[in-house]
Amino acid sequence: KIPSLPDTSIAGVPTSKDMVGGATILAAVFYVASGVSQPLLMTAASLAGIADPRAQLYMLFYYAGPSSVGIGLRRRQDQHMVQGLDNQANERYWPSYKPFVRACSVACLDIVAQSINYAGNTLSGPTVFAIIYSSVTIWAALYSRILLGRELNLVQWIGIAIVFCGLAMTALHSLDAGHSVFIGACLVLAGSSLHAMTYVISEKIMTVGDAAERISVRANCAVQGIVATI
């Protein structure tokens, strides 16, 4: 039996595990802040007369950021070498042909979803957008059941039913706010569903199948970002 190594951490000095956890929390805070501020800023631009739902140049920067994680990825010299790599080593390489094409397909679906979402946000306003877009988690649960075979318990199904009732009430209420608001609400609903599907399909191509058919998290992020940016 190999004796365990003594704890060499210094009191008061954060360990690498603490730093990773802190970075994750910080990233989550920035993610939430960007998600809250984006529809508000878009609505402010629309009210100022400098926004058009047909022009979505800001999406270029939305995808350019994730594409940068591809810097430093290496090309596989042998397509079968992936079988001998662990997950951490696999993160350093570009994917083989099949997972590359799958990631490109997800990127195209995400472009459609995000374009529909933010066109809908411009028409419906930030309040309606925030309410309906929150259904992404519910759509993701449904698609996980369909595409990944995940089981949902009774409480989860009840929660899904309640959320969909709330979405229906929000969509109907938007009729009173004007035709464009209703159209925007419908667009956000469709875009939220498609966006949730991209999450689930991304998970599927990263986790389902043998090693040669999967794509690493880093490569998936880079491929989707590059394709969507182009």
C-alpha atoms as a PDB file:
ATOM      1  CA  LYS A   1       0.000   0.000   0.000  1.00  0.00           C
ATOM      2  CA  ILE A   2       1.379   3.373  -1.044  1.00  0.00           C
ATOM      3  CA  PRO A   3       1.217   5.898   1.790  1.00  0.00           C
ATOM      4  CA  SER A   4      -0.734   9.055   1.106  1.00  0.00           C
ATOM      5  CA  LEU A   5       1.217  12.236   0.545  1.00  0.00           C
ATOM      6  CA  PRO A   6       1.143  14.786   3.324  1.00  0.00           C
ATOM      7  CA  ASP A   7      -0.813  17.996   2.874  1.00  0.00           C
ATOM      8  CA  THR A   8       1.775  20.524   1.706  1.00  0.00           C
ATOM      9  CA  SER A   9      -0.618  23.448   1.336  1.00  0.00           C
ATOM     10  CA  ILE A  10       0.302  26.601   3.214  1.00  0.00           C
ATOM     11  CA  ALA A  11      -2.261  28.152   5.488  1.00  0.00           C
ATOM     12  CA  GLY A  12      -3.719  31.305   3.986  1.00  0.00           C
ATOM     13  CA  VAL A  13      -2.358  30.576   0.485  1.00  0.00           C
ATOM     14  CA  PRO A  14      -5.010  29.459  -2.041  1.00  0.00           C
ATOM     15  CA  THR A  15      -4.396  26.082  -3.668  1.00  0.00           C
ATOM     16  CA  SER A  16      -4.774  25.382  -7.395  1.00  0.00           C
ATOM     17  CA  LYS A  17      -8.178  23.804  -6.684  1.00  0.00           C
ATOM     18  CA  ASP A  18      -9.319  26.986  -4.933  1.00  0.00           C
ATOM     19  CA  MET A  19      -8.099  29.102  -7.849  1.00  0.00           C
ATOM     20  CA  VAL A  20      -9.968  26.973 -10.393  1.00  0.00           C
ATOM     21  CA  GLY A  21     -13.121  27.194  -8.295  1.00  0.00           C
ATOM     22  CA  GLY A  22     -12.757  30.963  -7.975  1.00  0.00           C
ATOM     23  CA  ALA A  23     -12.199  31.349 -11.718  1.00  0.00           C
ATOM     24  CA  THR A  24     -15.314  29.273 -12.414  1.00  0.00           C
ATOM     25  CA  ILE A  25     -17.434  31.440 -10.126  1.00  0.00           C
ATOM     26  CA  LEU A  26     -16.028  34.619 -11.668  1.00  0.00           C
ATOM     27  CA  ALA A  27     -16.769  33.317 -15.173  1.00  0.00           C
ATOM     28  CA  ALA A  28     -20.323  32.455 -14.119  1.00  0.00           C
ATOM     29  CA  VAL A  29     -20.831  35.964 -12.713  1.00  0.00           C
ATOM     30  CA  PHE A  30     -19.637  37.566 -15.967  1.00  0.00           C
ATOM     31  CA  TYR A  31     -21.835  35.180 -17.971  1.00  0.00           C
ATOM     32  CA  VAL A  32     -24.950  36.141 -15.999  1.00  0.00           C
ATOM     33  CA  ALA A  33     -24.057  39.848 -16.171  1.00  0.00           C
ATOM     34  CA  SER A  34     -23.645  39.681 -19.949  1.00  0.00           C
ATOM     35  CA  GLY A  35     -26.921  37.814 -20.339  1.00  0.00           C
ATOM     36  CA  VAL A  36     -28.774  40.444 -18.288  1.00  0.00           C
ATOM     37  CA  SER A  37     -27.175  43.489 -19.893  1.00  0.00           C
ATOM     38  CA  GLN A  38     -27.329  42.385 -23.524  1.00  0.00           C
ATOM     39  CA  PRO A  39     -31.120  42.560 -24.056  1.00  0.00           C
ATOM     40  CA  LEU A  40     -31.283  45.844 -22.134  1.00  0.00           C
ATOM     41  CA  LEU A  41     -28.557  47.418 -24.251  1.00  0.00           C
ATOM     42  CA  MET A  42     -30.164  46.139 -27.435  1.00  0.00           C
ATOM     43  CA  THR A  43     -33.500  47.653 -26.436  1.00  0.00           C
ATOM     44  CA  ALA A  44     -31.798  50.960 -25.606  1.00  0.00           C
ATOM     45  CA  ALA A  45     -30.152  50.944 -29.046  1.00  0.00           C
ATOM     46  CA  SER A  46     -33.507  50.177 -30.666  1.00  0.00           C
ATOM     47  CA  LEU A  47     -35.216  53.056 -28.849  1.00  0.00           C
ATOM     48  CA  ALA A  48     -32.390  55.357 -29.941  1.00  0.00           C
ATOM     49  CA  GLY A  49     -33.043  54.394 -33.550  1.00  0.00           C
ATOM     50  CA  ILE A  50     -29.655  52.806 -34.125  1.00  0.00           C
ATOM     51  CA  ALA A  51     -30.712  49.130 -34.135  1.00  0.00           C
ATOM     52  CA  ASP A  52     -32.316  47.012 -36.836  1.00  0.00           C
ATOM     53  CA  PRO A  53     -33.383  43.361 -36.276  1.00  0.00           C
ATOM     54  CA  ARG A  54     -32.044  42.546 -39.764  1.00  0.00           C
ATOM     55  CA  ALA A  55     -28.511  43.716 -38.876  1.00  0.00           C
ATOM     56  CA  GLN A  56     -26.791  41.674 -36.176  1.00  0.00           C
ATOM     57  CA  LEU A  57     -23.135  42.624 -36.435  1.00  0.00           C
ATOM     58  CA  TYR A  58     -22.696  42.141 -32.682  1.00  0.00           C
ATOM     59  CA  MET A  59     -23.004  38.378 -33.240  1.00  0.00           C
ATOM     60  CA  LEU A  60     -19.591  38.496 -34.947  1.00  0.00           C
ATOM     61  CA  PHE A  61     -17.942  39.332 -31.615  1.00  0.00           C
ATOM     62  CA  TYR A  62     -20.216  36.856 -29.811  1.00  0.00           C
ATOM     63  CA  TYR A  63     -18.612  34.011 -31.788  1.00  0.00           C
ATOM     64  CA  ALA A  64     -15.130  35.451 -32.263  1.00  0.00           C
ATOM     65  CA  GLY A  65     -14.380  35.049 -28.551  1.00  0.00           C
ATOM     66  CA  PRO A  66     -15.009  31.280 -28.331  1.00  0.00           C
ATOM     67  CA  SER A  67     -13.087  30.717 -31.573  1.00  0.00           C
ATOM     68  CA  SER A  68      -9.911  31.993 -29.882  1.00  0.00           C
ATOM     69  CA  VAL A  69      -9.656  28.839 -27.729  1.00  0.00           C
ATOM     70  CA  GLY A  70      -8.522  27.065 -30.878  1.00  0.00           C
ATOM     71  CA  ILE A  71      -5.186  28.853 -30.674  1.00  0.00           C
ATOM     72  CA  GLY A  72      -2.599  26.232 -29.835  1.00  0.00           C
ATOM     73  CA  LEU A  73      -4.608  23.179 -30.888  1.00  0.00           C
ATOM     74  CA  ARG A  74      -2.520  20.697 -32.857  1.00  0.00           C
ATOM     75  CA  ARG A  75      -3.365  18.624 -35.913  1.00  0.00           C
ATOM     76  CA  ARG A  76      -3.602  14.876 -35.471  1.00  0.00           C
ATOM     77  CA  GLN A  77      -0.910  13.072 -37.418  1.00  0.00           C
ATOM     78  CA  ASP A  78      -2.728   9.761 -37.045  1.00  0.00           C
ATOM     79  CA  GLN A  79      -6.507   9.572 -36.833  1.00  0.00           C
ATOM     80  CA  HIS A  80      -6.234   6.433 -34.683  1.00  0.00           C
ATOM     81  CA  MET A  81      -3.988   8.099 -32.114  1.00  0.00           C
ATOM     82  CA  VAL A  82      -7.058   9.400 -30.304  1.00  0.00           C
ATOM     83  CA  GLN A  83      -7.749   5.895 -29.041  1.00  0.00           C
ATOM     84  CA  GLY A  84      -4.651   6.067 -26.895  1.00  0.00           C
ATOM     85  CA  LEU A  85      -5.236   9.540 -25.472  1.00  0.00           C
ATOM     86  CA  ASP A  86      -6.936  10.397 -22.225  1.00  0.00           C
ATOM     87  CA  ASN A  87      -9.415  13.250 -22.032  1.00  0.00           C
ATOM     88  CA  GLN A  88      -6.848  15.810 -20.918  1.00  0.00           C
ATOM     89  CA  ALA A  89      -4.443  14.943 -23.743  1.00  0.00           C
ATOM     90  CA  ASN A  90      -7.263  14.875 -26.281  1.00  0.00           C
ATOM     91  CA  GLU A  91      -8.055  18.518 -25.480  1.00  0.00           C
ATOM     92  CA  ARG A  92      -4.847  19.557 -27.251  1.00  0.00           C
ATOM     93  CA  TYR A  93      -5.846  18.297 -30.712  1.00  0.00           C
ATOM     94  CA  TRP A  94      -8.251  19.250 -33.480  1.00  0.00           C
ATOM     95  CA  PRO A  95     -11.011  16.679 -34.015  1.00  0.00           C
ATOM     96  CA  SER A  96     -11.170  14.123 -36.806  1.00  0.00           C
ATOM     97  CA  TYR A  97     -13.461  14.592 -39.814  1.00  0.00           C
ATOM     98  CA  LYS A  98     -16.794  13.261 -38.505  1.00  0.00           C
ATOM     99  CA  PRO A  99     -16.878  15.124 -35.174  1.00  0.00           C
ATOM    100  CA  PHE A 100     -15.630  18.232 -36.996  1.00  0.00           C
ATOM    101  CA  VAL A 101     -18.613  18.134 -39.379  1.00  0.00           C
ATOM    102  CA  ARG A 102     -20.996  17.552 -36.475  1.00  0.00           C
ATOM    103  CA  ALA A 103     -19.628  20.564 -34.615  1.00  0.00           C
ATOM    104  CA  CYS A 104     -20.013  22.672 -37.773  1.00  0.00           C
ATOM    105  CA  SER A 105     -23.655  21.588 -38.009  1.00  0.00           C
ATOM    106  CA  VAL A 106     -24.279  22.608 -34.408  1.00  0.00           C
ATOM    107  CA  ALA A 107     -22.682  25.992 -35.124  1.00  0.00           C
ATOM    108  CA  CYS A 108     -25.034  26.582 -38.064  1.00  0.00           C
ATOM    109  CA  LEU A 109     -28.015  25.677 -35.886  1.00  0.00           C
ATOM    110  CA  ASP A 110     -26.793  28.054 -33.191  1.00  0.00           C
ATOM    111  CA  ILE A 111     -26.475  30.917 -35.689  1.00  0.00           C
ATOM    112  CA  VAL A 112     -30.123  30.454 -36.654  1.00  0.00           C
ATOM    113  CA  ALA A 113     -31.195  30.199 -33.005  1.00  0.00           C
ATOM    114  CA  GLN A 114     -29.332  33.302 -31.852  1.00  0.00           C
ATOM    115  CA  SER A 115     -30.420  35.373 -34.840  1.00  0.00           C
ATOM    116  CA  ILE A 116     -34.057  34.489 -34.151  1.00  0.00           C
ATOM    117  CA  ASN A 117     -33.614  35.189 -30.433  1.00  0.00           C
ATOM    118  CA  TYR A 118     -32.207  38.674 -30.755  1.00  0.00           C
ATOM    119  CA  ALA A 119     -34.465  39.671 -33.617  1.00  0.00           C
ATOM    120  CA  GLY A 120     -37.280  38.700 -31.273  1.00  0.00           C
ATOM    121  CA  ASN A 121     -35.713  40.680 -28.457  1.00  0.00           C
ATOM    122  CA  THR A 122     -35.609  43.814 -30.603  1.00  0.00           C
ATOM    123  CA  LEU A 123     -39.322  43.423 -31.380  1.00  0.00           C
ATOM    124  CA  SER A 124     -40.631  42.279 -28.004  1.00  0.00           C
ATOM    125  CA  GLY A 125     -38.443  44.155 -25.518  1.00  0.00           C
ATOM    126  CA  PRO A 126     -36.199  42.955 -22.676  1.00  0.00           C
ATOM    127  CA  THR A 127     -38.966  41.961 -20.239  1.00  0.00           C
ATOM    128  CA  VAL A 128     -40.763  39.571 -22.572  1.00  0.00           C
ATOM    129  CA  PHE A 129     -37.424  38.324 -23.873  1.00  0.00           C
ATOM    130  CA  ALA A 130     -36.123  37.530 -20.374  1.00  0.00           C
ATOM    131  CA  ILE A 131     -39.297  35.667 -19.396  1.00  0.00           C
ATOM    132  CA  ILE A 132     -39.485  33.513 -22.504  1.00  0.00           C
ATOM    133  CA  TYR A 133     -35.748  32.959 -22.916  1.00  0.00           C
ATOM    134  CA  SER A 134     -35.608  31.470 -19.415  1.00  0.00           C
ATOM    135  CA  SER A 135     -37.399  28.467 -20.924  1.00  0.00           C
ATOM    136  CA  VAL A 136     -34.055  27.330 -22.379  1.00  0.00           C
ATOM    137  CA  THR A 137     -33.497  25.089 -19.343  1.00  0.00           C
ATOM    138  CA  ILE A 138     -36.910  23.459 -19.847  1.00  0.00           C
ATOM    139  CA  TRP A 139     -36.294  22.856 -23.536  1.00  0.00           C
ATOM    140  CA  ALA A 140     -32.879  21.428 -22.675  1.00  0.00           C
ATOM    141  CA  ALA A 141     -34.486  18.972 -20.247  1.00  0.00           C
ATOM    142  CA  LEU A 142     -36.955  17.827 -22.911  1.00  0.00           C
ATOM    143  CA  TYR A 143     -34.297  17.433 -25.586  1.00  0.00           C
ATOM    144  CA  SER A 144     -32.065  15.585 -23.103  1.00  0.00           C
ATOM    145  CA  ARG A 145     -34.899  13.120 -22.642  1.00  0.00           C
ATOM    146  CA  ILE A 146     -35.322  12.707 -26.401  1.00  0.00           C
ATOM    147  CA  LEU A 147     -31.705  12.753 -27.608  1.00  0.00           C
ATOM    148  CA  LEU A 148     -29.773  11.463 -24.589  1.00  0.00           C
ATOM    149  CA  GLY A 149     -32.403   9.232 -23.000  1.00  0.00           C
ATOM    150  CA  ARG A 150     -32.292  10.971 -19.625  1.00  0.00           C
ATOM    151  CA  GLU A 151     -35.155  10.146 -17.281  1.00  0.00           C
ATOM    152  CA  LEU A 152     -37.311  12.914 -15.792  1.00  0.00           C
ATOM    153  CA  ASN A 153     -39.145  12.388 -12.519  1.00  0.00           C
ATOM    154  CA  LEU A 154     -42.686  13.485 -11.747  1.00  0.00           C
ATOM    155  CA  VAL A 155     -41.622  16.742 -10.089  1.00  0.00           C
ATOM    156  CA  GLN A 156     -39.578  17.710 -13.149  1.00  0.00           C
ATOM    157  CA  TRP A 157     -42.495  17.005 -15.490  1.00  0.00           C
ATOM    158  CA  ILE A 158     -44.774  19.124 -13.302  1.00  0.00           C
ATOM    159  CA  GLY A 159     -42.215  21.932 -13.403  1.00  0.00           C
ATOM    160  CA  ILE A 160     -42.075  21.712 -17.202  1.00  0.00           C
ATOM    161  CA  ALA A 161     -45.876  21.888 -17.421  1.00  0.00           C
ATOM    162  CA  ILE A 162     -45.980  24.957 -15.149  1.00  0.00           C
ATOM    163  CA  VAL A 163     -43.316  26.760 -17.162  1.00  0.00           C
ATOM    164  CA  PHE A 164     -45.091  26.072 -20.447  1.00  0.00           C
ATOM    165  CA  CYS A 165     -48.339  27.408 -18.990  1.00  0.00           C
ATOM    166  CA  GLY A 166     -46.480  30.563 -17.989  1.00  0.00           C
ATOM    167  CA  LEU A 167     -44.983  30.871 -21.471  1.00  0.00           C
ATOM    168  CA  ALA A 168     -48.429  30.544 -23.060  1.00  0.00           C
ATOM    169  CA  MET A 169     -49.811  33.259 -20.781  1.00  0.00           C
ATOM    170  CA  THR A 170     -46.872  35.546 -21.611  1.00  0.00           C
ATOM    171  CA  ALA A 171     -47.336  35.022 -25.349  1.00  0.00           C
ATOM    172  CA  LEU A 172     -51.073  35.718 -25.124  1.00  0.00           C
ATOM    173  CA  HIS A 173     -50.493  38.812 -22.989  1.00  0.00           C
ATOM    174  CA  SER A 174     -48.048  40.127 -25.585  1.00  0.00           C
ATOM    175  CA  LEU A 175     -50.974  40.389 -28.014  1.00  0.00           C
ATOM    176  CA  ASP A 176     -52.236  43.332 -25.987  1.00  0.00           C
ATOM    177  CA  ALA A 177     -48.879  45.069 -26.323  1.00  0.00           C
ATOM    178  CA  GLY A 178     -49.007  45.114 -30.105  1.00  0.00           C
ATOM    179  CA  HIS A 179     -48.475  42.924 -33.154  1.00  0.00           C
ATOM    180  CA  SER A 180     -44.697  43.364 -33.240  1.00  0.00           C
ATOM    181  CA  VAL A 181     -44.383  42.350 -29.593  1.00  0.00           C
ATOM    182  CA  PHE A 182     -46.338  39.162 -30.247  1.00  0.00           C
ATOM    183  CA  ILE A 183     -44.198  38.326 -33.279  1.00  0.00           C
ATOM    184  CA  GLY A 184     -41.093  38.992 -31.187  1.00  0.00           C
ATOM    185  CA  ALA A 185     -42.360  36.714 -28.407  1.00  0.00           C
ATOM    186  CA  CYS A 186     -42.959  33.908 -30.904  1.00  0.00           C
ATOM    187  CA  LEU A 187     -39.471  34.378 -32.330  1.00  0.00           C
ATOM    188  CA  VAL A 188     -37.884  34.235 -28.880  1.00  0.00           C
ATOM    189  CA  LEU A 189     -39.847  31.073 -28.062  1.00  0.00           C
ATOM    190  CA  ALA A 190     -38.644  29.374 -31.243  1.00  0.00           C
ATOM    191  CA  GLY A 191     -35.090  30.635 -30.772  1.00  0.00           C
ATOM    192  CA  SER A 192     -34.976  29.453 -27.161  1.00  0.00           C
ATOM    193  CA  SER A 193     -36.006  25.967 -28.239  1.00  0.00           C
ATOM    194  CA  LEU A 194     -33.351  25.830 -30.957  1.00  0.00           C
ATOM    195  CA  HIS A 195     -30.693  27.223 -28.626  1.00  0.00           C
ATOM    196  CA  ALA A 196     -31.470  24.546 -26.037  1.00  0.00           C
ATOM    197  CA  MET A 197     -31.142  21.947 -28.766  1.00  0.00           C
ATOM    198  CA  THR A 198     -27.623  23.175 -29.569  1.00  0.00           C
ATOM    199  CA  TYR A 199     -26.633  22.622 -25.923  1.00  0.00           C
ATOM    200  CA  VAL A 200     -27.913  19.056 -25.921  1.00  0.00           C
ATOM    201  CA  ILE A 201     -26.448  18.147 -29.312  1.00  0.00           C
ATOM    202  CA  SER A 202     -23.109  19.642 -28.241  1.00  0.00           C
ATOM    203  CA  GLU A 203     -23.137  17.432 -25.170  1.00  0.00           C
ATOM    204  CA  LYS A 204     -24.013  14.427 -27.298  1.00  0.00           C
ATOM    205  CA  ILE A 205     -21.130  14.864 -29.751  1.00  0.00           C
ATOM    206  CA  MET A 206     -18.732  15.333 -26.804  1.00  0.00           C
ATOM    207  CA  THR A 207     -19.879  12.391 -24.673  1.00  0.00           C
ATOM    208  CA  VAL A 208     -21.641   9.750 -26.796  1.00  0.00           C
ATOM    209  CA  GLY A 209     -19.790   7.172 -28.892  1.00  0.00           C
ATOM    210  CA  ASP A 210     -16.224   5.913 -28.865  1.00  0.00           C
ATOM    211  CA  ALA A 211     -13.201   8.167 -28.554  1.00  0.00           C
ATOM    212  CA  ALA A 212     -12.753   8.594 -32.325  1.00  0.00           C
ATOM    213  CA  GLU A 213     -16.334   9.843 -32.737  1.00  0.00           C
ATOM    214  CA  ARG A 214     -16.276  12.356 -29.887  1.00  0.00           C
ATOM    215  CA  ILE A 215     -14.957  15.894 -29.882  1.00  0.00           C
ATOM    216  CA  SER A 216     -13.227  17.534 -26.941  1.00  0.00           C
ATOM    217  CA  VAL A 217     -14.741  20.517 -25.142  1.00  0.00           C
ATOM    218  CA  ARG A 218     -11.997  22.866 -26.313  1.00  0.00           C
ATOM    219  CA  ALA A 219     -12.106  21.726 -29.937  1.00  0.00           C
ATOM    220  CA  ASN A 220     -15.900  21.877 -30.000  1.00  0.00           C
ATOM    221  CA  CYS A 221     -15.853  25.445 -28.714  1.00  0.00           C
ATOM    222  CA  ALA A 222     -13.186  26.444 -31.246  1.00  0.00           C
ATOM    223  CA  VAL A 223     -14.857  24.807 -34.262  1.00  0.00           C
ATOM    224  CA  GLN A 224     -18.270  26.250 -33.516  1.00  0.00           C
ATOM    225  CA  GLY A 225     -16.815  29.700 -32.859  1.00  0.00           C
ATOM    226  CA  ILE A 226     -14.748  29.736 -36.062  1.00  0.00           C
ATOM    227  CA  VAL A 227     -17.584  28.451 -38.277  1.00  0.00           C
ATOM    228  CA  ALA A 228     -20.088  30.916 -36.829  1.00  0.00           C
ATOM    229  CA  THR A 229     -17.622  33.823 -37.133  1.00  0.00           C
ATOM    230  CA  ILE A 230     -16.949  33.055 -40.793  1.00  0.00           C
END
